[in-house]
N, C-alpha and C. Protein backbone atom coordinates (compact mmCIF):
# COMPACT_ATOMS: atom_id res chain seq x y z
N MET A 1 51.54 -1.19 -19.16
CA MET A 1 50.56 -2.09 -19.15
C MET A 1 49.08 -2.43 -19.88
N ASN A 2 48.90 -3.91 -20.25
CA ASN A 2 47.97 -4.39 -21.39
C ASN A 2 46.77 -3.66 -20.65
N VAL A 3 45.66 -4.26 -21.72
CA VAL A 3 44.26 -3.32 -21.19
C VAL A 3 43.76 -4.52 -20.56
N LEU A 4 43.70 -5.85 -20.39
CA LEU A 4 42.89 -6.80 -19.79
C LEU A 4 43.35 -6.82 -18.25
N ALA A 5 44.95 -6.18 -17.90
CA ALA A 5 45.66 -6.15 -16.66
C ALA A 5 45.09 -5.26 -16.44
N ARG A 6 44.47 -3.90 -17.17
CA ARG A 6 44.14 -2.94 -16.49
C ARG A 6 42.41 -2.97 -16.30
N ILE A 7 41.80 -3.37 -17.00
CA ILE A 7 40.42 -3.90 -16.57
C ILE A 7 40.30 -5.12 -15.54
N SER A 8 41.31 -5.52 -14.94
CA SER A 8 41.20 -6.98 -14.41
C SER A 8 41.78 -5.76 -12.93
N ARG A 9 42.73 -4.85 -12.49
CA ARG A 9 42.44 -3.72 -11.79
C ARG A 9 42.03 -3.02 -11.49
N LEU A 10 41.02 -2.67 -12.55
CA LEU A 10 39.88 -1.43 -12.41
C LEU A 10 38.23 -2.42 -11.66
N ARG A 11 38.51 -3.75 -11.84
CA ARG A 11 37.13 -4.78 -11.31
C ARG A 11 37.73 -4.99 -10.02
N ARG A 12 38.81 -5.10 -9.22
CA ARG A 12 39.32 -5.20 -7.75
C ARG A 12 39.06 -4.61 -7.59
N VAL A 13 39.67 -2.67 -8.24
CA VAL A 13 39.19 -0.81 -7.02
C VAL A 13 38.12 -0.98 -7.28
N PHE A 14 36.78 -1.36 -8.50
CA PHE A 14 35.54 -1.55 -8.02
C PHE A 14 34.58 -1.82 -7.00
N SER A 15 35.80 -3.66 -6.94
CA SER A 15 35.36 -4.48 -5.67
C SER A 15 35.13 -3.88 -4.47
N ALA A 16 36.13 -4.01 -4.66
CA ALA A 16 36.35 -2.74 -2.76
C ALA A 16 36.28 -1.74 -2.70
N LEU A 17 35.56 -0.86 -3.57
CA LEU A 17 34.72 0.45 -3.53
C LEU A 17 33.23 0.04 -2.73
N ALA A 18 33.18 -1.05 -3.17
CA ALA A 18 31.63 -1.91 -3.07
C ALA A 18 31.91 -2.35 -2.31
N VAL A 19 32.05 -2.73 -1.64
CA VAL A 19 32.45 -2.97 0.20
C VAL A 19 32.37 -2.61 1.25
N LEU A 20 33.20 -1.47 0.55
CA LEU A 20 33.13 -0.56 1.56
C LEU A 20 32.13 0.32 1.34
N ALA A 21 31.23 0.49 0.83
CA ALA A 21 30.08 1.05 0.97
C ALA A 21 29.13 0.16 1.05
N GLY A 22 29.03 -1.03 1.44
CA GLY A 22 28.00 -1.90 2.25
C GLY A 22 28.55 -1.39 3.77
N LEU A 23 29.64 -2.16 3.63
CA LEU A 23 30.12 -1.31 5.14
C LEU A 23 29.31 -0.14 5.80
N VAL A 24 30.08 0.68 4.61
CA VAL A 24 29.61 2.02 5.38
C VAL A 24 27.74 2.39 5.57
N LEU A 25 27.23 1.31 4.58
CA LEU A 25 25.86 1.61 4.37
C LEU A 25 25.38 0.99 5.98
N ALA A 26 26.34 -0.32 6.39
CA ALA A 26 25.33 -1.22 7.71
C ALA A 26 25.71 -0.52 8.86
N ALA A 27 27.16 -0.03 8.85
CA ALA A 27 27.00 0.88 10.05
C ALA A 27 25.93 1.84 10.57
N GLY A 28 25.31 2.45 9.62
CA GLY A 28 24.09 2.40 10.34
C GLY A 28 24.09 4.05 9.68
N CYS A 29 25.18 4.41 8.79
CA CYS A 29 25.17 5.84 7.98
C CYS A 29 24.29 6.29 7.40
N ALA A 30 23.24 5.33 6.45
CA ALA A 30 22.44 5.77 6.17
C ALA A 30 20.72 4.58 6.58
N GLU A 31 19.99 5.67 6.45
CA GLU A 31 18.50 5.46 7.25
C GLU A 31 17.77 4.96 5.79
N LEU A 32 16.61 4.26 5.71
CA LEU A 32 15.70 3.92 4.48
C LEU A 32 14.40 4.93 5.30
N THR A 33 13.77 6.18 4.39
CA THR A 33 12.91 6.43 4.34
C THR A 33 12.02 6.30 3.58
N ALA A 34 10.09 6.77 4.42
CA ALA A 34 9.55 6.90 2.87
C ALA A 34 8.59 8.47 3.90
N ARG A 35 9.72 9.07 4.16
CA ARG A 35 8.49 10.56 4.15
C ARG A 35 7.68 10.91 3.21
N HIS A 36 8.17 10.63 2.03
CA HIS A 36 7.56 11.08 0.59
C HIS A 36 6.23 10.28 0.09
N LEU A 37 6.30 9.21 1.25
CA LEU A 37 5.72 8.60 0.29
C LEU A 37 3.70 8.60 1.53
N GLU A 38 2.63 8.53 0.79
CA GLU A 38 1.40 8.49 1.73
C GLU A 38 1.51 7.76 2.57
N SER A 39 1.23 8.27 3.74
CA SER A 39 0.76 7.36 5.02
C SER A 39 -0.47 7.38 5.42
N ARG A 40 -0.89 6.31 6.47
CA ARG A 40 -2.16 6.11 7.07
C ARG A 40 -1.35 5.77 8.59
N ASN A 41 -2.07 6.31 9.47
CA ASN A 41 -1.71 6.38 10.97
C ASN A 41 -2.23 4.72 11.47
N TRP A 42 -1.19 3.57 12.04
CA TRP A 42 -1.50 2.44 12.40
C TRP A 42 -3.00 2.76 13.74
N ASN A 43 -3.92 2.22 12.59
CA ASN A 43 -5.32 2.14 13.30
C ASN A 43 -6.13 0.38 13.28
N PRO A 44 -5.02 -0.06 13.84
CA PRO A 44 -6.02 -1.81 13.79
C PRO A 44 -7.54 -1.42 13.79
N SER A 45 -8.62 -0.76 14.17
CA SER A 45 -10.29 -0.78 14.70
C SER A 45 -11.00 -0.23 13.23
N ALA A 46 -10.29 0.19 12.38
CA ALA A 46 -10.63 1.28 11.02
C ALA A 46 -10.31 0.28 9.72
N GLU A 47 -11.24 0.11 8.92
CA GLU A 47 -10.72 -0.53 7.12
C GLU A 47 -9.75 1.32 6.71
N GLN A 48 -8.95 0.80 6.10
CA GLN A 48 -7.88 2.66 5.11
C GLN A 48 -7.83 2.34 3.71
N THR A 49 -7.79 3.41 3.28
CA THR A 49 -7.58 3.21 2.14
C THR A 49 -6.34 4.35 1.67
N LEU A 50 -5.50 4.46 1.08
CA LEU A 50 -4.50 4.78 0.63
C LEU A 50 -4.56 4.81 -1.31
N THR A 51 -4.09 6.00 -1.79
CA THR A 51 -4.42 6.57 -3.01
C THR A 51 -2.88 6.56 -3.74
N MET A 52 -2.28 5.82 -3.90
CA MET A 52 -0.72 6.75 -4.78
C MET A 52 -1.28 7.08 -6.06
N ARG A 53 -0.40 6.65 -7.10
CA ARG A 53 -0.12 7.26 -8.41
C ARG A 53 -0.62 6.12 -9.33
N HIS A 54 -0.66 4.79 -8.92
CA HIS A 54 -1.13 3.82 -10.37
C HIS A 54 -1.64 2.80 -9.47
N TRP A 55 -1.56 2.45 -8.16
CA TRP A 55 -2.34 1.89 -6.96
C TRP A 55 -3.57 2.59 -5.82
N ARG A 56 -4.14 1.43 -5.55
CA ARG A 56 -4.92 1.95 -4.70
C ARG A 56 -5.08 0.89 -3.08
N PHE A 57 -4.57 1.21 -1.92
CA PHE A 57 -4.81 0.12 -0.98
C PHE A 57 -5.65 -0.08 -0.10
N THR A 58 -6.20 -1.09 0.04
CA THR A 58 -7.21 -0.94 0.72
C THR A 58 -6.98 -1.57 2.31
N PHE A 59 -6.78 -1.51 3.55
CA PHE A 59 -6.18 -2.28 4.14
C PHE A 59 -6.86 -1.90 4.91
N VAL A 60 -6.51 -3.42 6.04
CA VAL A 60 -7.01 -3.19 7.72
C VAL A 60 -5.72 -3.71 8.82
N SER A 61 -5.07 -2.80 10.09
CA SER A 61 -3.81 -3.61 10.95
C SER A 61 -4.43 -3.76 11.34
N VAL A 62 -3.75 -5.37 11.55
CA VAL A 62 -4.24 -6.23 12.55
C VAL A 62 -2.91 -6.18 13.45
N PRO A 63 -3.05 -6.42 14.25
CA PRO A 63 -1.84 -5.92 15.54
C PRO A 63 -1.94 -8.50 15.58
N THR A 64 -0.12 -8.27 16.08
CA THR A 64 0.28 -9.24 16.25
C THR A 64 0.87 -9.87 17.56
N ARG A 65 1.56 -10.61 18.35
CA ARG A 65 2.10 -10.56 18.92
C ARG A 65 3.43 -10.86 19.19
N GLN A 66 4.07 -11.24 17.31
CA GLN A 66 5.45 -10.47 17.15
C GLN A 66 5.86 -9.41 15.82
N SER A 67 4.79 -8.91 15.37
CA SER A 67 4.52 -8.01 14.84
C SER A 67 3.00 -7.37 14.53
N TYR A 68 3.59 -6.33 13.61
CA TYR A 68 2.75 -5.90 12.81
C TYR A 68 1.71 -5.74 11.81
N GLY A 69 0.78 -6.40 12.02
CA GLY A 69 0.04 -6.97 10.62
C GLY A 69 -0.70 -6.03 10.29
N ILE A 70 -1.09 -6.14 8.08
CA ILE A 70 -1.51 -5.83 7.37
C ILE A 70 -1.83 -6.55 6.30
N LYS A 71 -3.64 -6.18 6.46
CA LYS A 71 -3.93 -7.07 5.40
C LYS A 71 -5.58 -6.44 4.27
N GLY A 72 -4.90 -6.74 3.30
CA GLY A 72 -5.92 -5.91 2.70
C GLY A 72 -5.68 -6.34 1.11
N SER A 73 -6.24 -5.01 0.14
CA SER A 73 -5.60 -6.28 -1.53
C SER A 73 -5.61 -4.15 -1.85
N ALA A 74 -4.76 -4.46 -3.04
CA ALA A 74 -4.41 -3.33 -4.09
C ALA A 74 -5.02 -3.56 -5.47
N THR A 75 -5.31 -2.41 -5.80
CA THR A 75 -6.09 -2.19 -7.11
C THR A 75 -5.59 -1.34 -8.20
N ALA A 76 -4.97 -1.93 -9.35
CA ALA A 76 -4.34 -1.31 -10.18
C ALA A 76 -5.43 0.32 -10.42
N LEU A 77 -4.78 1.33 -10.68
CA LEU A 77 -5.84 2.46 -11.26
C LEU A 77 -5.28 2.01 -12.63
N ALA A 78 -6.38 1.13 -13.50
CA ALA A 78 -6.49 1.63 -14.77
C ALA A 78 -6.43 2.43 -16.08
N ASP A 79 -7.25 3.83 -15.44
CA ASP A 79 -7.68 5.05 -15.58
C ASP A 79 -5.83 5.89 -15.73
N THR A 80 -5.16 5.13 -14.87
CA THR A 80 -3.65 6.11 -14.97
C THR A 80 -2.70 5.43 -15.92
N LEU A 81 -3.10 4.75 -16.77
CA LEU A 81 -2.18 3.41 -17.43
C LEU A 81 -2.45 4.28 -18.72
N PRO A 82 -1.49 3.17 -19.90
CA PRO A 82 -1.51 4.30 -21.52
C PRO A 82 -2.96 2.86 -21.54
N ALA A 83 -3.36 3.54 -22.42
CA ALA A 83 -4.73 3.24 -22.85
C ALA A 83 -4.06 1.51 -23.21
N TRP A 84 -3.11 0.60 -24.20
CA TRP A 84 -3.32 -0.68 -24.98
C TRP A 84 -2.96 -1.39 -23.40
N VAL A 85 -2.41 -0.90 -22.33
CA VAL A 85 -2.47 -1.98 -20.89
C VAL A 85 -3.57 -3.20 -21.03
N ASP A 86 -2.90 -3.83 -21.00
CA ASP A 86 -3.93 -5.06 -20.02
C ASP A 86 -3.63 -6.42 -19.11
N ARG A 87 -1.99 -6.03 -18.78
CA ARG A 87 -2.07 -7.06 -18.34
C ARG A 87 -0.67 -6.47 -17.22
N VAL A 88 -0.41 -6.91 -16.28
CA VAL A 88 0.37 -6.55 -15.28
C VAL A 88 1.50 -7.80 -15.15
N GLN A 89 2.92 -7.95 -15.87
CA GLN A 89 3.67 -8.69 -16.21
C GLN A 89 4.69 -8.91 -15.49
N GLU A 90 4.70 -7.86 -14.65
CA GLU A 90 5.87 -8.49 -13.21
C GLU A 90 5.45 -7.13 -12.14
N LEU A 91 4.88 -7.79 -10.56
CA LEU A 91 4.54 -7.35 -9.64
C LEU A 91 4.92 -7.31 -8.57
N THR A 92 5.89 -6.16 -8.03
CA THR A 92 5.98 -6.22 -6.13
C THR A 92 5.86 -5.18 -5.30
N LEU A 93 4.73 -6.03 -4.14
CA LEU A 93 3.84 -4.97 -3.24
C LEU A 93 5.27 -4.82 -1.58
N THR A 94 5.11 -3.66 -1.76
CA THR A 94 6.35 -3.54 -0.25
C THR A 94 4.80 -2.83 1.06
N ALA A 95 5.37 -3.03 1.85
CA ALA A 95 5.07 -2.46 3.03
C ALA A 95 5.79 -1.93 3.95
N TYR A 96 5.85 -0.99 4.35
CA TYR A 96 7.09 0.15 5.19
C TYR A 96 5.80 0.29 6.29
N LEU A 97 6.59 0.45 7.64
CA LEU A 97 5.95 0.65 9.39
C LEU A 97 6.77 1.88 9.64
N ARG A 98 6.96 2.71 9.67
CA ARG A 98 7.69 3.96 9.49
C ARG A 98 7.08 4.25 11.00
N ASP A 99 7.85 5.85 11.43
CA ASP A 99 7.92 6.58 12.85
C ASP A 99 7.02 8.09 12.08
N ALA A 100 6.97 8.46 13.29
CA ALA A 100 6.35 9.83 12.00
C ALA A 100 7.72 10.98 11.21
N GLU A 101 8.36 10.51 11.70
CA GLU A 101 9.86 10.96 11.02
C GLU A 101 10.01 10.34 9.16
N GLY A 102 8.87 9.24 9.59
CA GLY A 102 9.05 9.24 8.40
C GLY A 102 10.40 7.90 7.70
N VAL A 103 10.62 7.39 9.20
CA VAL A 103 11.43 6.50 8.81
C VAL A 103 10.91 5.25 9.14
N VAL A 104 11.88 4.28 7.96
CA VAL A 104 10.52 3.38 8.24
C VAL A 104 12.10 2.21 9.12
N LEU A 105 10.68 1.75 10.20
CA LEU A 105 11.39 1.03 10.62
C LEU A 105 10.92 -0.62 10.33
N ALA A 106 10.74 -1.52 9.32
CA ALA A 106 10.31 -2.86 9.39
C ALA A 106 9.77 -2.33 7.66
N THR A 107 10.38 -3.36 7.08
CA THR A 107 9.10 -4.02 6.24
C THR A 107 9.27 -5.23 5.25
N ASP A 108 7.75 -5.57 4.72
CA ASP A 108 7.44 -6.63 4.09
C ASP A 108 7.24 -6.86 2.95
N GLN A 109 7.88 -8.00 2.57
CA GLN A 109 7.74 -7.85 -0.09
C GLN A 109 7.19 -8.74 -0.71
N LYS A 110 6.09 -8.70 -0.82
CA LYS A 110 5.43 -9.90 -1.75
C LYS A 110 5.46 -9.06 -3.22
N THR A 111 6.38 -10.67 -4.41
CA THR A 111 5.86 -10.62 -5.64
C THR A 111 5.21 -11.54 -6.34
N TYR A 112 4.32 -10.88 -6.89
CA TYR A 112 2.96 -11.89 -8.04
C TYR A 112 3.47 -12.48 -9.24
N LEU A 113 2.70 -13.27 -9.71
CA LEU A 113 3.16 -14.28 -10.49
C LEU A 113 2.40 -12.91 -11.84
N PRO A 114 2.65 -13.29 -12.98
CA PRO A 114 2.24 -12.22 -13.91
C PRO A 114 0.12 -12.96 -14.22
N MET A 115 -0.39 -11.56 -14.15
CA MET A 115 -2.04 -11.08 -14.36
C MET A 115 -2.60 -10.37 -15.19
N SER A 116 -4.01 -10.72 -15.51
CA SER A 116 -4.57 -9.62 -16.30
C SER A 116 -4.76 -8.20 -15.31
N LEU A 117 -5.36 -7.15 -16.21
CA LEU A 117 -5.09 -5.91 -15.24
C LEU A 117 -6.62 -6.00 -14.74
N THR A 118 -7.66 -7.00 -15.33
CA THR A 118 -8.35 -7.68 -14.14
C THR A 118 -8.23 -7.91 -13.92
N ASP A 119 -7.25 -8.92 -13.22
CA ASP A 119 -7.27 -9.19 -12.02
C ASP A 119 -6.63 -8.30 -10.88
N ALA A 120 -5.65 -7.51 -11.61
CA ALA A 120 -4.90 -6.32 -10.64
C ALA A 120 -5.85 -5.87 -10.42
N SER A 121 -7.24 -6.05 -10.52
CA SER A 121 -8.54 -4.48 -9.31
C SER A 121 -8.34 -5.53 -8.34
N ALA A 122 -7.81 -6.74 -8.02
CA ALA A 122 -7.66 -7.04 -6.05
C ALA A 122 -7.46 -8.34 -5.91
N VAL A 123 -5.43 -7.78 -5.86
CA VAL A 123 -4.32 -8.12 -5.35
C VAL A 123 -4.91 -8.11 -4.14
N SER A 124 -4.70 -9.29 -3.08
CA SER A 124 -4.73 -9.21 -1.65
C SER A 124 -3.11 -9.76 -0.87
N PHE A 125 -3.44 -9.76 -0.42
CA PHE A 125 -1.58 -9.24 0.62
C PHE A 125 -1.63 -9.66 2.44
N ASP A 126 -0.63 -9.61 2.84
CA ASP A 126 -1.07 -10.25 3.58
C ASP A 126 0.56 -9.49 3.73
N PHE A 127 0.61 -8.44 4.86
CA PHE A 127 2.19 -7.81 5.31
C PHE A 127 2.30 -8.51 6.37
N PHE A 128 3.78 -8.59 7.32
CA PHE A 128 4.24 -8.55 8.83
C PHE A 128 4.93 -8.08 8.73
N LEU A 129 5.49 -6.69 9.86
CA LEU A 129 6.38 -5.95 10.08
C LEU A 129 6.32 -5.65 11.18
N ALA A 130 8.11 -6.38 10.90
CA ALA A 130 8.53 -6.27 12.38
C ALA A 130 9.55 -5.67 13.11
N PRO A 131 9.34 -5.21 13.52
CA PRO A 131 10.88 -3.56 13.77
C PRO A 131 11.42 -4.32 15.18
N GLU A 132 12.96 -3.96 14.67
CA GLU A 132 13.73 -4.03 15.83
C GLU A 132 13.60 -3.94 17.97
N SER A 133 12.74 -2.55 18.35
CA SER A 133 12.22 -2.83 19.33
C SER A 133 10.46 -2.13 18.84
N ARG A 134 9.58 -2.21 19.80
CA ARG A 134 8.15 -1.77 19.75
C ARG A 134 7.89 -0.92 19.93
N ARG A 135 6.49 -0.05 19.42
CA ARG A 135 6.91 1.21 19.87
C ARG A 135 5.92 1.55 20.47
N PRO A 136 4.95 2.81 20.48
CA PRO A 136 3.77 2.67 21.11
C PRO A 136 3.13 3.09 19.65
N ASP A 137 2.31 2.42 19.74
CA ASP A 137 1.32 2.23 18.39
C ASP A 137 0.64 3.75 17.87
N THR A 138 0.31 4.39 18.53
CA THR A 138 0.01 6.10 18.49
C THR A 138 2.05 6.97 17.36
N SER A 139 2.55 5.97 17.53
CA SER A 139 3.79 7.27 16.87
C SER A 139 4.01 6.68 15.58
N LEU A 140 2.99 5.02 15.02
CA LEU A 140 3.71 4.77 14.16
C LEU A 140 2.63 5.67 13.08
N SER A 141 3.07 4.92 11.12
CA SER A 141 1.61 5.06 10.33
C SER A 141 2.24 3.85 8.93
N VAL A 142 1.54 3.30 8.46
CA VAL A 142 1.96 2.24 7.74
C VAL A 142 2.08 3.28 6.09
N SER A 143 3.44 3.22 5.13
CA SER A 143 3.11 2.84 3.54
C SER A 143 3.46 2.00 2.77
N PHE A 144 3.27 2.20 2.08
CA PHE A 144 2.95 1.67 0.88
C PHE A 144 3.84 1.63 -0.39
N GLY A 145 4.84 0.62 -1.12
CA GLY A 145 5.52 0.25 -1.94
C GLY A 145 4.87 -0.43 -3.71
N TYR A 146 5.14 0.05 -4.94
CA TYR A 146 5.04 -1.11 -5.69
C TYR A 146 6.30 -0.98 -6.82
N ARG A 147 6.62 -0.88 -7.30
CA ARG A 147 6.92 -2.48 -8.60
C ARG A 147 6.52 -2.83 -9.20
N ALA A 148 5.60 -2.04 -10.73
CA ALA A 148 5.24 -2.52 -11.23
C ALA A 148 5.37 -2.78 -12.64
N VAL A 149 5.61 -3.28 -13.78
CA VAL A 149 6.18 -4.08 -15.68
C VAL A 149 4.43 -4.53 -15.94
N PHE A 150 3.50 -3.59 -16.57
CA PHE A 150 3.18 -3.55 -16.84
C PHE A 150 3.23 -3.47 -18.66
N THR A 151 2.06 -4.79 -19.50
CA THR A 151 2.24 -4.53 -21.21
C THR A 151 0.87 -5.15 -21.69
N SER A 152 0.85 -5.42 -22.60
CA SER A 152 -0.39 -6.33 -23.17
C SER A 152 -0.34 -7.32 -23.21
N ASP A 153 -1.05 -8.43 -23.47
CA ASP A 153 -1.88 -9.36 -23.96
C ASP A 153 -0.97 -9.89 -25.40
N SER A 154 -1.42 -8.96 -25.87
CA SER A 154 -0.45 -8.92 -27.63
C SER A 154 0.75 -9.50 -27.15
N ALA A 155 1.24 -8.24 -27.29
CA ALA A 155 3.15 -8.15 -27.16
C ALA A 155 3.87 -8.90 -26.61
N VAL A 156 3.16 -9.50 -25.28
CA VAL A 156 3.53 -10.98 -24.85
C VAL A 156 3.62 -12.03 -25.26
N ARG A 157 2.64 -12.59 -25.91
CA ARG A 157 2.58 -13.38 -27.35
C ARG A 157 3.11 -13.05 -28.49
N ALA A 158 3.54 -12.22 -29.09
CA ALA A 158 3.95 -11.84 -30.03
C ALA A 158 6.26 -12.45 -29.48
N ALA A 159 6.11 -11.74 -28.47
CA ALA A 159 7.57 -11.57 -27.90
C ALA A 159 7.91 -13.44 -27.30
N ALA A 160 6.37 -14.58 -27.71
CA ALA A 160 7.24 -15.74 -27.87
C ALA A 160 8.45 -15.67 -26.63
N GLY A 161 8.11 -15.37 -25.55
CA GLY A 161 9.05 -16.00 -24.79
C GLY A 161 10.56 -15.41 -25.01
N GLY A 162 10.60 -14.48 -25.65
CA GLY A 162 12.07 -13.42 -25.87
C GLY A 162 11.42 -11.90 -25.15
N LYS A 163 12.47 -11.33 -25.81
CA LYS A 163 12.36 -9.88 -24.80
C LYS A 163 10.69 -8.98 -25.38
N LEU A 164 10.09 -8.36 -25.06
CA LEU A 164 9.08 -7.10 -25.23
C LEU A 164 9.41 -5.73 -25.31
N PRO A 165 8.92 -5.70 -26.48
CA PRO A 165 8.84 -4.52 -26.93
C PRO A 165 8.85 -3.49 -26.65
N ALA A 166 10.22 -2.59 -26.44
CA ALA A 166 10.09 -1.36 -24.93
C ALA A 166 8.56 -0.41 -25.88
N GLN A 167 8.18 -0.30 -26.81
CA GLN A 167 6.81 0.15 -26.67
C GLN A 167 5.53 -0.39 -26.08
N PHE A 168 5.46 -1.49 -25.66
CA PHE A 168 4.41 -2.00 -24.94
C PHE A 168 5.23 -2.10 -23.38
N VAL A 169 5.89 -1.29 -23.49
CA VAL A 169 6.55 -1.60 -21.75
C VAL A 169 6.23 -0.61 -20.69
N PHE A 170 5.22 -0.63 -19.49
CA PHE A 170 4.92 0.42 -18.91
C PHE A 170 5.42 0.37 -17.58
N PHE A 171 6.68 0.66 -17.12
CA PHE A 171 6.88 0.65 -15.70
C PHE A 171 6.46 1.64 -14.72
N ALA A 172 6.69 1.18 -13.73
CA ALA A 172 5.57 1.93 -12.59
C ALA A 172 6.16 1.39 -11.15
N GLY A 173 6.30 2.88 -10.32
CA GLY A 173 7.30 2.02 -9.22
C GLY A 173 7.30 3.35 -7.98
N GLU A 174 6.86 2.70 -6.76
CA GLU A 174 7.51 4.18 -5.17
C GLU A 174 7.63 2.82 -4.53
N SER A 175 8.85 3.99 -4.51
CA SER A 175 9.07 3.34 -2.61
C SER A 175 9.68 4.26 -2.11
N ALA A 176 10.69 3.62 -0.97
CA ALA A 176 11.13 4.10 0.53
C ALA A 176 12.43 4.64 -0.46
N LEU A 177 13.52 5.07 -0.11
CA LEU A 177 14.77 5.90 -0.18
C LEU A 177 15.33 5.33 0.86
N MET A 178 16.80 5.22 0.12
CA MET A 178 17.64 5.61 1.24
C MET A 178 18.39 7.40 1.18
N ARG A 179 18.99 7.15 3.06
CA ARG A 179 18.89 8.77 3.58
C ARG A 179 20.32 8.65 4.29
N GLU A 180 21.24 9.40 3.40
CA GLU A 180 22.52 9.93 4.82
C GLU A 180 22.45 10.13 5.28
């Protein structure tokens, strides 16, 4: 058997395994958990703050007919970042509605365009979290996640549309995890 035939056969095997793994996850054998993330109780009557390693979230819980709304802003914590960072090249914020055990009941996510670190001092968001079934508000809490790529304006200009130099890229992220 030649090398190309073996590679083709391995691709088919790995494709079949990937499909099987997807079916197992879809069958409910795994759940998304935010137990390890900071959280605040669902409280529509008060502004709340949740501070993570590199971002601070200030928000208000807003009940709606079909979902649980969360409105607020996120602030990059510049003092936790390398001194050369002055730009957020990529940013995705995620909100999680979770139960008392940390099991994620609903998520919403927003992706933002590149911005200066100064503009990242007030990144506004509106999340709408719609779980499959309504629960008593007293058993719910809110957590946040983020995926951010920080860099510097000078590195972006030097790359001129190409790949950014690795020494001028700082990745930060916190998110819910898949648990079996």
